[in-house]
């Protein structure tokens, strides 16, 4: 694990990797991505996203055109990333949701459409902290970090 990106900073980034980083800054910090893909979820001009996948680090990074190609989200899927000194990935749903509430990270809200479409999966959004939590059964398998959406 690259220690310079090990610690999760809710709403800010992952270690030295922050949401105001350019693609050039990210490449200097992490090197070339294992895979790069570009896509758009709409037909609107200026709505492209570039996703960089770092397989060896178990992270994916997204840069959005509407955000001047600055880093806008980070997806993690390894238990080597730490929040408050503890791993998130692989932990129990009930434990994580209670911890988010008790530490005032925000109220996790379930995306019920995900649960309906795939009864074994669930997605919780914690808007105040800029994090989405993906569970398979009761185990956290992925966390998506984004810019803090709450008030300072």
Protein backbone atom coordinates (compact mmCIF):
# COMPACT_ATOMS: atom_id res chain seq x y z
CA UNK A 1 0.00 0.00 0.00
CA UNK A 2 1.14 3.47 -0.84
CA UNK A 3 1.21 5.20 2.60
CA UNK A 4 0.79 8.66 1.08
CA UNK A 5 -2.81 7.77 0.14
CA UNK A 6 -3.75 5.37 2.98
CA UNK A 7 -5.81 7.70 5.18
CA UNK A 8 -9.37 8.66 4.25
CA UNK A 9 -10.16 12.34 4.77
CA UNK A 10 -13.92 12.65 4.35
CA UNK A 11 -14.85 15.35 1.88
CA UNK A 12 -11.21 16.14 1.13
CA UNK A 13 -9.57 13.06 -0.40
CA UNK A 14 -7.26 10.17 0.35
CA UNK A 15 -3.98 11.06 2.07
CA UNK A 16 -2.09 13.49 -0.16
CA UNK A 17 -4.57 12.91 -2.99
CA UNK A 18 -7.10 15.75 -2.77
CA UNK A 19 -10.22 16.59 -4.76
CA UNK A 20 -8.66 19.74 -6.22
CA UNK A 21 -5.89 17.72 -7.89
CA UNK A 22 -5.31 17.93 -11.63
CA UNK A 23 -4.71 14.81 -13.74
CA UNK A 24 -1.05 15.81 -14.02
CA UNK A 25 -0.69 16.09 -10.23
CA UNK A 26 -2.32 12.68 -9.75
CA UNK A 27 -0.04 11.06 -12.31
CA UNK A 28 3.00 12.59 -10.61
CA UNK A 29 1.82 11.22 -7.24
CA UNK A 30 0.61 7.76 -8.31
CA UNK A 31 2.16 7.13 -11.72
CA UNK A 32 0.30 5.93 -14.80
CA UNK A 33 -3.09 4.30 -14.27
CA UNK A 34 -3.61 0.62 -15.14
CA UNK A 35 -6.56 1.63 -17.30
CA UNK A 36 -8.13 4.91 -18.44
CA UNK A 37 -11.64 5.20 -19.84
CA UNK A 38 -13.70 8.17 -20.94
CA UNK A 39 -17.49 8.21 -20.97
CA UNK A 40 -20.56 10.42 -20.72
CA UNK A 41 -23.80 9.61 -18.94
CA UNK A 42 -25.76 12.06 -21.07
CA UNK A 43 -25.81 13.61 -24.52
CA UNK A 44 -24.94 17.04 -23.12
CA UNK A 45 -21.76 18.72 -24.26
CA UNK A 46 -19.25 19.17 -21.45
CA UNK A 47 -20.53 16.14 -19.49
CA UNK A 48 -17.63 13.74 -19.98
CA UNK A 49 -15.88 11.83 -17.20
CA UNK A 50 -12.44 10.28 -17.34
CA UNK A 51 -11.92 7.32 -15.00
CA UNK A 52 -8.45 6.17 -14.00
CA UNK A 53 -8.14 2.69 -12.51
CA UNK A 54 -5.17 1.69 -10.37
CA UNK A 55 -5.60 -2.05 -10.00
CA UNK A 56 -2.60 -2.55 -7.73
CA UNK A 57 -3.91 0.08 -5.30
CA UNK A 58 -7.59 -0.99 -5.51
CA UNK A 59 -8.73 2.54 -6.35
CA UNK A 60 -10.50 4.27 -9.22
CA UNK A 61 -10.41 8.03 -9.74
CA UNK A 62 -12.85 10.18 -11.69
CA UNK A 63 -12.16 13.52 -13.33
CA UNK A 64 -15.18 15.44 -14.63
CA UNK A 65 -15.11 17.85 -17.54
CA UNK A 66 -17.70 20.07 -15.82
CA UNK A 67 -15.22 20.41 -12.94
CA UNK A 68 -12.35 21.50 -15.23
CA UNK A 69 -10.97 17.94 -15.18
CA UNK A 70 -10.08 18.12 -11.47
CA UNK A 71 -10.34 14.98 -9.35
CA UNK A 72 -14.00 14.64 -8.34
CA UNK A 73 -14.36 11.17 -6.82
CA UNK A 74 -12.31 8.27 -5.49
CA UNK A 75 -13.59 4.70 -5.21
CA UNK A 76 -11.76 2.34 -2.84
CA UNK A 77 -12.15 -1.42 -2.49
CA UNK A 78 -9.30 -2.46 -0.18
CA UNK A 79 -9.21 -2.83 3.59
CA UNK A 80 -5.83 -1.10 3.58
CA UNK A 81 -7.49 2.33 3.45
CA UNK A 82 -8.18 3.71 6.92
CA UNK A 83 -10.77 6.05 8.41
CA UNK A 84 -9.79 7.19 11.89
CA UNK A 85 -7.10 4.51 11.92
CA UNK A 86 -9.52 1.65 11.12
CA UNK A 87 -10.29 -0.06 7.80
CA UNK A 88 -13.75 0.42 6.29
CA UNK A 89 -13.78 -2.24 3.57
CA UNK A 90 -14.77 -5.67 4.85
CA UNK A 91 -16.54 -4.37 7.93
CA UNK A 92 -20.11 -5.06 9.01
CA UNK A 93 -22.93 -2.79 7.79
CA UNK A 94 -24.53 -2.25 11.21
CA UNK A 95 -21.17 -1.37 12.80
CA UNK A 96 -20.25 1.13 10.08
CA UNK A 97 -23.67 2.84 10.01
CA UNK A 98 -23.67 3.19 13.81
CA UNK A 99 -20.13 4.57 13.74
CA UNK A 100 -21.06 7.20 11.13
CA UNK A 101 -24.00 8.30 13.25
CA UNK A 102 -22.07 8.37 16.54
CA UNK A 103 -19.17 10.37 15.06
CA UNK A 104 -21.58 12.88 13.48
CA UNK A 105 -20.37 12.11 9.95
CA UNK A 106 -23.99 12.43 8.84
CA UNK A 107 -27.07 10.28 8.58
CA UNK A 108 -26.61 7.36 6.16
CA UNK A 109 -29.57 7.22 3.75
CA UNK A 110 -30.30 3.99 1.90
CA UNK A 111 -30.83 4.07 -1.84
CA UNK A 112 -33.87 1.80 -1.91
CA UNK A 113 -33.80 1.42 -5.69
CA UNK A 114 -30.47 -0.44 -5.45
CA UNK A 115 -31.94 -2.83 -2.84
CA UNK A 116 -34.98 -3.48 -5.04
CA UNK A 117 -32.91 -4.12 -8.16
CA UNK A 118 -30.40 -6.36 -6.37
CA UNK A 119 -31.73 -7.68 -3.05
CA UNK A 120 -28.25 -8.83 -1.93
CA UNK A 121 -26.76 -5.35 -2.35
CA UNK A 122 -27.31 -2.03 -0.65
CA UNK A 123 -26.02 1.50 -1.07
CA UNK A 124 -25.96 4.12 1.66
CA UNK A 125 -25.26 7.77 0.90
CA UNK A 126 -23.82 10.03 3.58
CA UNK A 127 -24.14 13.37 1.84
CA UNK A 128 -22.76 15.40 4.74
CA UNK A 129 -19.43 13.53 4.50
CA UNK A 130 -19.34 13.01 0.74
CA UNK A 131 -19.25 9.21 0.90
CA UNK A 132 -21.28 6.37 -0.62
CA UNK A 133 -21.07 2.94 1.00
CA UNK A 134 -21.70 -0.19 -1.13
CA UNK A 135 -22.54 -3.40 0.71
CA UNK A 136 -22.80 -6.98 -0.55
CA UNK A 137 -24.91 -8.67 2.09
CA UNK A 138 -23.72 -7.11 5.34
CA UNK A 139 -20.13 -6.50 4.23
CA UNK A 140 -18.79 -3.19 2.91
CA UNK A 141 -17.14 -3.89 -0.46
CA UNK A 142 -16.61 -0.38 -1.84
CA UNK A 143 -16.65 3.21 -0.67
CA UNK A 144 -16.88 6.17 -3.03
CA UNK A 145 -15.46 9.43 -1.72
CA UNK A 146 -16.38 12.83 -3.09
CA UNK A 147 -16.18 16.48 -2.10
CA UNK A 148 -17.79 17.32 1.21
CA UNK A 149 -21.36 18.41 0.54
CA UNK A 150 -22.23 19.89 3.95
CA UNK A 151 -21.65 23.27 5.50
CA UNK A 152 -18.42 24.10 7.30
